[in-house]
Amino acid sequence: MPFLYTWVTLIVVLVLDRLSKWVVQSNMTLGESRVVIPGFFHLTYILNPGAAFGMLQGQKWVLVTVSVIVLAALFYFQRKVPHGQRLMRVSMGLIGGGALGNLWDRLLTGKVIDFLDFKVWSYIFNIADSMIVIGGILLIILLMRMKEDTNDESLF
């Protein structure tokens, strides 16, 4: 049952991502921005043809390939995670769910639906992006701690 943590997390992230994107598409027009917290947070509906921070614009198949490789690596390495490492499995589910959510968009439209617009920086993102970042940071922290705790033994 240890794989359950990864799969449940992945499914929850994917459902939240798809639902949030559906709500935005159903209630906003492309390019529309709605103020949530003035000067700090808006909902701004855009279609992003690239990756995070405006990288790889128009490189759909490169991004699809990277997503598939990330998902394959997560599924492979989850078998190597010790049974007691539930949080590590959750972090892998966060990354996998986010990667799958954005992959879905890229395969259907060639672009990713973004709408979370914090005015403290110039990038607009989505729930999938957020989960990939949170899951990635958490996974790095857990791997570093595991390496320290096991005297430099590695998962890999």
C-alpha atoms as a PDB file:
ATOM      1  CA  MET A   1       0.000   0.000   0.000  1.00  0.00           C
ATOM      2  CA  PRO A   2       2.899   2.490   0.113  1.00  0.00           C
ATOM      3  CA  PHE A   3       2.294   3.409  -3.548  1.00  0.00           C
ATOM      4  CA  LEU A   4      -1.130   4.665  -2.504  1.00  0.00           C
ATOM      5  CA  TYR A   5       0.369   7.917  -1.190  1.00  0.00           C
ATOM      6  CA  THR A   6       1.871   8.707  -4.592  1.00  0.00           C
ATOM      7  CA  TRP A   7      -1.225   7.756  -6.599  1.00  0.00           C
ATOM      8  CA  VAL A   8      -3.788   9.492  -4.363  1.00  0.00           C
ATOM      9  CA  THR A   9      -1.697  12.668  -4.291  1.00  0.00           C
ATOM     10  CA  LEU A  10      -1.206  12.562  -8.070  1.00  0.00           C
ATOM     11  CA  ILE A  11      -4.947  12.127  -8.679  1.00  0.00           C
ATOM     12  CA  VAL A  12      -5.922  14.894  -6.234  1.00  0.00           C
ATOM     13  CA  VAL A  13      -3.451  17.322  -7.847  1.00  0.00           C
ATOM     14  CA  LEU A  14      -4.630  16.405 -11.349  1.00  0.00           C
ATOM     15  CA  VAL A  15      -8.310  16.854 -10.413  1.00  0.00           C
ATOM     16  CA  LEU A  16      -7.651  20.220  -8.702  1.00  0.00           C
ATOM     17  CA  ASP A  17      -5.591  21.411 -11.666  1.00  0.00           C
ATOM     18  CA  ARG A  18      -8.156  20.348 -14.276  1.00  0.00           C
ATOM     19  CA  LEU A  19     -11.059  21.740 -12.229  1.00  0.00           C
ATOM     20  CA  SER A  20      -9.357  25.101 -11.665  1.00  0.00           C
ATOM     21  CA  LYS A  21      -8.509  25.424 -15.359  1.00  0.00           C
ATOM     22  CA  TRP A  22     -12.070  24.512 -16.339  1.00  0.00           C
ATOM     23  CA  VAL A  23     -13.478  27.155 -13.957  1.00  0.00           C
ATOM     24  CA  VAL A  24     -11.157  29.803 -15.390  1.00  0.00           C
ATOM     25  CA  GLN A  25     -11.956  28.892 -19.006  1.00  0.00           C
ATOM     26  CA  SER A  26     -15.696  28.774 -18.270  1.00  0.00           C
ATOM     27  CA  ASN A  27     -15.847  32.121 -16.496  1.00  0.00           C
ATOM     28  CA  MET A  28     -13.172  34.290 -18.102  1.00  0.00           C
ATOM     29  CA  THR A  29     -12.169  35.333 -21.584  1.00  0.00           C
ATOM     30  CA  LEU A  30      -8.618  34.870 -22.783  1.00  0.00           C
ATOM     31  CA  GLY A  31      -6.494  37.795 -21.571  1.00  0.00           C
ATOM     32  CA  GLU A  32      -9.022  38.857 -18.937  1.00  0.00           C
ATOM     33  CA  SER A  33      -7.696  39.786 -15.508  1.00  0.00           C
ATOM     34  CA  ARG A  34      -9.722  40.016 -12.297  1.00  0.00           C
ATOM     35  CA  VAL A  35      -8.453  41.671  -9.156  1.00  0.00           C
ATOM     36  CA  VAL A  36      -8.553  39.429  -6.084  1.00  0.00           C
ATOM     37  CA  ILE A  37      -6.211  41.399  -3.797  1.00  0.00           C
ATOM     38  CA  PRO A  38      -5.441  44.833  -5.305  1.00  0.00           C
ATOM     39  CA  GLY A  39      -1.791  45.279  -6.228  1.00  0.00           C
ATOM     40  CA  PHE A  40      -0.903  41.765  -5.066  1.00  0.00           C
ATOM     41  CA  PHE A  41      -2.998  38.951  -6.602  1.00  0.00           C
ATOM     42  CA  HIS A  42      -5.111  38.756  -9.760  1.00  0.00           C
ATOM     43  CA  LEU A  43      -6.633  35.953 -11.770  1.00  0.00           C
ATOM     44  CA  THR A  44      -5.367  36.470 -15.326  1.00  0.00           C
ATOM     45  CA  TYR A  45      -6.317  33.931 -17.993  1.00  0.00           C
ATOM     46  CA  ILE A  46      -3.538  33.292 -20.503  1.00  0.00           C
ATOM     47  CA  LEU A  47      -2.327  30.431 -22.672  1.00  0.00           C
ATOM     48  CA  ASN A  48       1.389  29.771 -22.215  1.00  0.00           C
ATOM     49  CA  PRO A  49       3.172  28.156 -25.189  1.00  0.00           C
ATOM     50  CA  GLY A  50       6.318  27.579 -23.132  1.00  0.00           C
ATOM     51  CA  ALA A  51       7.523  26.406 -19.752  1.00  0.00           C
ATOM     52  CA  ALA A  52       7.955  28.214 -16.458  1.00  0.00           C
ATOM     53  CA  PHE A  53       9.394  31.736 -16.545  1.00  0.00           C
ATOM     54  CA  GLY A  54       8.765  32.054 -20.283  1.00  0.00           C
ATOM     55  CA  MET A  55      11.385  29.466 -21.228  1.00  0.00           C
ATOM     56  CA  LEU A  56      11.145  27.264 -24.328  1.00  0.00           C
ATOM     57  CA  GLN A  57       8.346  29.233 -25.987  1.00  0.00           C
ATOM     58  CA  GLY A  58       6.705  27.206 -28.757  1.00  0.00           C
ATOM     59  CA  GLN A  59       8.720  24.043 -27.988  1.00  0.00           C
ATOM     60  CA  LYS A  60       5.649  21.845 -27.422  1.00  0.00           C
ATOM     61  CA  TRP A  61       7.288  18.510 -28.240  1.00  0.00           C
ATOM     62  CA  VAL A  62      10.378  19.216 -26.158  1.00  0.00           C
ATOM     63  CA  LEU A  63       8.123  19.996 -23.196  1.00  0.00           C
ATOM     64  CA  VAL A  64       5.927  16.938 -23.846  1.00  0.00           C
ATOM     65  CA  THR A  65       9.045  14.759 -23.967  1.00  0.00           C
ATOM     66  CA  VAL A  66      10.396  16.241 -20.727  1.00  0.00           C
ATOM     67  CA  SER A  67       7.029  15.649 -19.007  1.00  0.00           C
ATOM     68  CA  VAL A  68       6.929  12.018 -20.134  1.00  0.00           C
ATOM     69  CA  ILE A  69      10.519  11.468 -18.946  1.00  0.00           C
ATOM     70  CA  VAL A  70       9.743  13.048 -15.553  1.00  0.00           C
ATOM     71  CA  LEU A  71       6.633  10.863 -15.143  1.00  0.00           C
ATOM     72  CA  ALA A  72       8.529   7.717 -16.151  1.00  0.00           C
ATOM     73  CA  ALA A  73      11.343   8.533 -13.707  1.00  0.00           C
ATOM     74  CA  LEU A  74       8.885   9.125 -10.875  1.00  0.00           C
ATOM     75  CA  PHE A  75       7.129   5.825 -11.477  1.00  0.00           C
ATOM     76  CA  TYR A  76      10.460   3.999 -11.680  1.00  0.00           C
ATOM     77  CA  PHE A  77      12.007   5.584  -8.585  1.00  0.00           C
ATOM     78  CA  GLN A  78       8.918   5.281  -6.395  1.00  0.00           C
ATOM     79  CA  ARG A  79       9.651   1.539  -6.228  1.00  0.00           C
ATOM     80  CA  LYS A  80      13.011   2.379  -4.646  1.00  0.00           C
ATOM     81  CA  VAL A  81      11.565   4.610  -1.919  1.00  0.00           C
ATOM     82  CA  PRO A  82      11.651   2.926   1.503  1.00  0.00           C
ATOM     83  CA  HIS A  83       8.178   2.005   2.764  1.00  0.00           C
ATOM     84  CA  GLY A  84       8.281   4.438   5.694  1.00  0.00           C
ATOM     85  CA  GLN A  85       8.939   7.478   3.466  1.00  0.00           C
ATOM     86  CA  ARG A  86       5.316   8.586   3.031  1.00  0.00           C
ATOM     87  CA  LEU A  87       6.189  12.253   2.626  1.00  0.00           C
ATOM     88  CA  MET A  88       8.620  11.392  -0.160  1.00  0.00           C
ATOM     89  CA  ARG A  89       5.841   9.515  -1.934  1.00  0.00           C
ATOM     90  CA  VAL A  90       3.530  12.509  -1.502  1.00  0.00           C
ATOM     91  CA  SER A  91       6.191  14.789  -2.993  1.00  0.00           C
ATOM     92  CA  MET A  92       6.470  12.459  -5.984  1.00  0.00           C
ATOM     93  CA  GLY A  93       2.689  12.571  -6.374  1.00  0.00           C
ATOM     94  CA  LEU A  94       2.755  16.377  -6.316  1.00  0.00           C
ATOM     95  CA  ILE A  95       5.348  16.447  -9.094  1.00  0.00           C
ATOM     96  CA  GLY A  96       3.601  13.740 -11.092  1.00  0.00           C
ATOM     97  CA  GLY A  97       0.155  15.321 -10.791  1.00  0.00           C
ATOM     98  CA  GLY A  98       1.518  18.703 -11.843  1.00  0.00           C
ATOM     99  CA  ALA A  99       3.450  17.250 -14.765  1.00  0.00           C
ATOM    100  CA  LEU A 100       0.379  15.327 -15.903  1.00  0.00           C
ATOM    101  CA  GLY A 101      -1.861  18.399 -15.598  1.00  0.00           C
ATOM    102  CA  ASN A 102       0.372  20.498 -17.827  1.00  0.00           C
ATOM    103  CA  LEU A 103       1.012  17.584 -20.196  1.00  0.00           C
ATOM    104  CA  TRP A 104      -2.760  17.275 -20.648  1.00  0.00           C
ATOM    105  CA  ASP A 105      -2.946  20.924 -21.763  1.00  0.00           C
ATOM    106  CA  ARG A 106       0.028  20.628 -24.093  1.00  0.00           C
ATOM    107  CA  LEU A 107      -1.345  17.542 -25.810  1.00  0.00           C
ATOM    108  CA  LEU A 108      -4.840  19.035 -26.252  1.00  0.00           C
ATOM    109  CA  THR A 109      -4.008  22.623 -27.210  1.00  0.00           C
ATOM    110  CA  GLY A 110      -0.238  22.940 -27.451  1.00  0.00           C
ATOM    111  CA  LYS A 111      -0.344  25.542 -24.665  1.00  0.00           C
ATOM    112  CA  VAL A 112      -0.798  25.510 -20.897  1.00  0.00           C
ATOM    113  CA  ILE A 113      -3.641  27.361 -19.183  1.00  0.00           C
ATOM    114  CA  ASP A 114      -2.189  29.787 -16.619  1.00  0.00           C
ATOM    115  CA  PHE A 115      -4.120  32.136 -14.333  1.00  0.00           C
ATOM    116  CA  LEU A 116      -2.431  32.690 -10.947  1.00  0.00           C
ATOM    117  CA  ASP A 117      -1.007  36.193 -11.227  1.00  0.00           C
ATOM    118  CA  PHE A 118       0.905  37.456  -8.194  1.00  0.00           C
ATOM    119  CA  LYS A 119       1.910  41.005  -8.985  1.00  0.00           C
ATOM    120  CA  VAL A 120       5.183  40.723  -7.048  1.00  0.00           C
ATOM    121  CA  TRP A 121       6.728  39.089 -10.138  1.00  0.00           C
ATOM    122  CA  SER A 122       5.836  39.062 -13.802  1.00  0.00           C
ATOM    123  CA  TYR A 123       5.007  35.383 -14.329  1.00  0.00           C
ATOM    124  CA  ILE A 124       1.551  33.853 -14.406  1.00  0.00           C
ATOM    125  CA  PHE A 125       1.250  30.181 -13.481  1.00  0.00           C
ATOM    126  CA  ASN A 126      -1.253  27.485 -12.446  1.00  0.00           C
ATOM    127  CA  ILE A 127      -1.875  24.875  -9.769  1.00  0.00           C
ATOM    128  CA  ALA A 128       0.133  22.225 -11.647  1.00  0.00           C
ATOM    129  CA  ASP A 129       3.164  24.528 -11.735  1.00  0.00           C
ATOM    130  CA  SER A 130       2.797  25.214  -8.021  1.00  0.00           C
ATOM    131  CA  MET A 131       2.624  21.518  -7.160  1.00  0.00           C
ATOM    132  CA  ILE A 132       5.691  20.722  -9.281  1.00  0.00           C
ATOM    133  CA  VAL A 133       7.698  23.397  -7.453  1.00  0.00           C
ATOM    134  CA  ILE A 134       6.431  22.434  -3.976  1.00  0.00           C
ATOM    135  CA  GLY A 135       6.925  18.727  -4.670  1.00  0.00           C
ATOM    136  CA  GLY A 136      10.392  19.320  -6.113  1.00  0.00           C
ATOM    137  CA  ILE A 137      11.568  21.403  -3.158  1.00  0.00           C
ATOM    138  CA  LEU A 138      10.129  18.882  -0.707  1.00  0.00           C
ATOM    139  CA  LEU A 139      11.759  15.970  -2.559  1.00  0.00           C
ATOM    140  CA  ILE A 140      15.163  17.687  -2.551  1.00  0.00           C
ATOM    141  CA  ILE A 141      14.910  18.388   1.190  1.00  0.00           C
ATOM    142  CA  LEU A 142      13.865  14.809   1.929  1.00  0.00           C
ATOM    143  CA  LEU A 143      16.643  13.340  -0.226  1.00  0.00           C
ATOM    144  CA  MET A 144      19.228  15.557   1.461  1.00  0.00           C
ATOM    145  CA  ARG A 145      17.982  14.521   4.908  1.00  0.00           C
ATOM    146  CA  MET A 146      17.911  10.861   3.909  1.00  0.00           C
ATOM    147  CA  LYS A 147      21.471  11.071   2.637  1.00  0.00           C
ATOM    148  CA  GLU A 148      22.607  12.659   5.928  1.00  0.00           C
ATOM    149  CA  ASP A 149      20.695  10.113   8.033  1.00  0.00           C
ATOM    150  CA  THR A 150      22.014   7.078   6.168  1.00  0.00           C
ATOM    151  CA  ASN A 151      25.685   8.066   6.036  1.00  0.00           C
ATOM    152  CA  ASP A 152      25.776   8.907   2.343  1.00  0.00           C
ATOM    153  CA  GLU A 153      23.762   5.882   1.179  1.00  0.00           C
ATOM    154  CA  SER A 154      21.681   6.773  -1.834  1.00  0.00           C
ATOM    155  CA  LEU A 155      18.307   5.810  -3.232  1.00  0.00           C
ATOM    156  CA  PHE A 156      19.911   5.513  -6.635  1.00  0.00           C
END
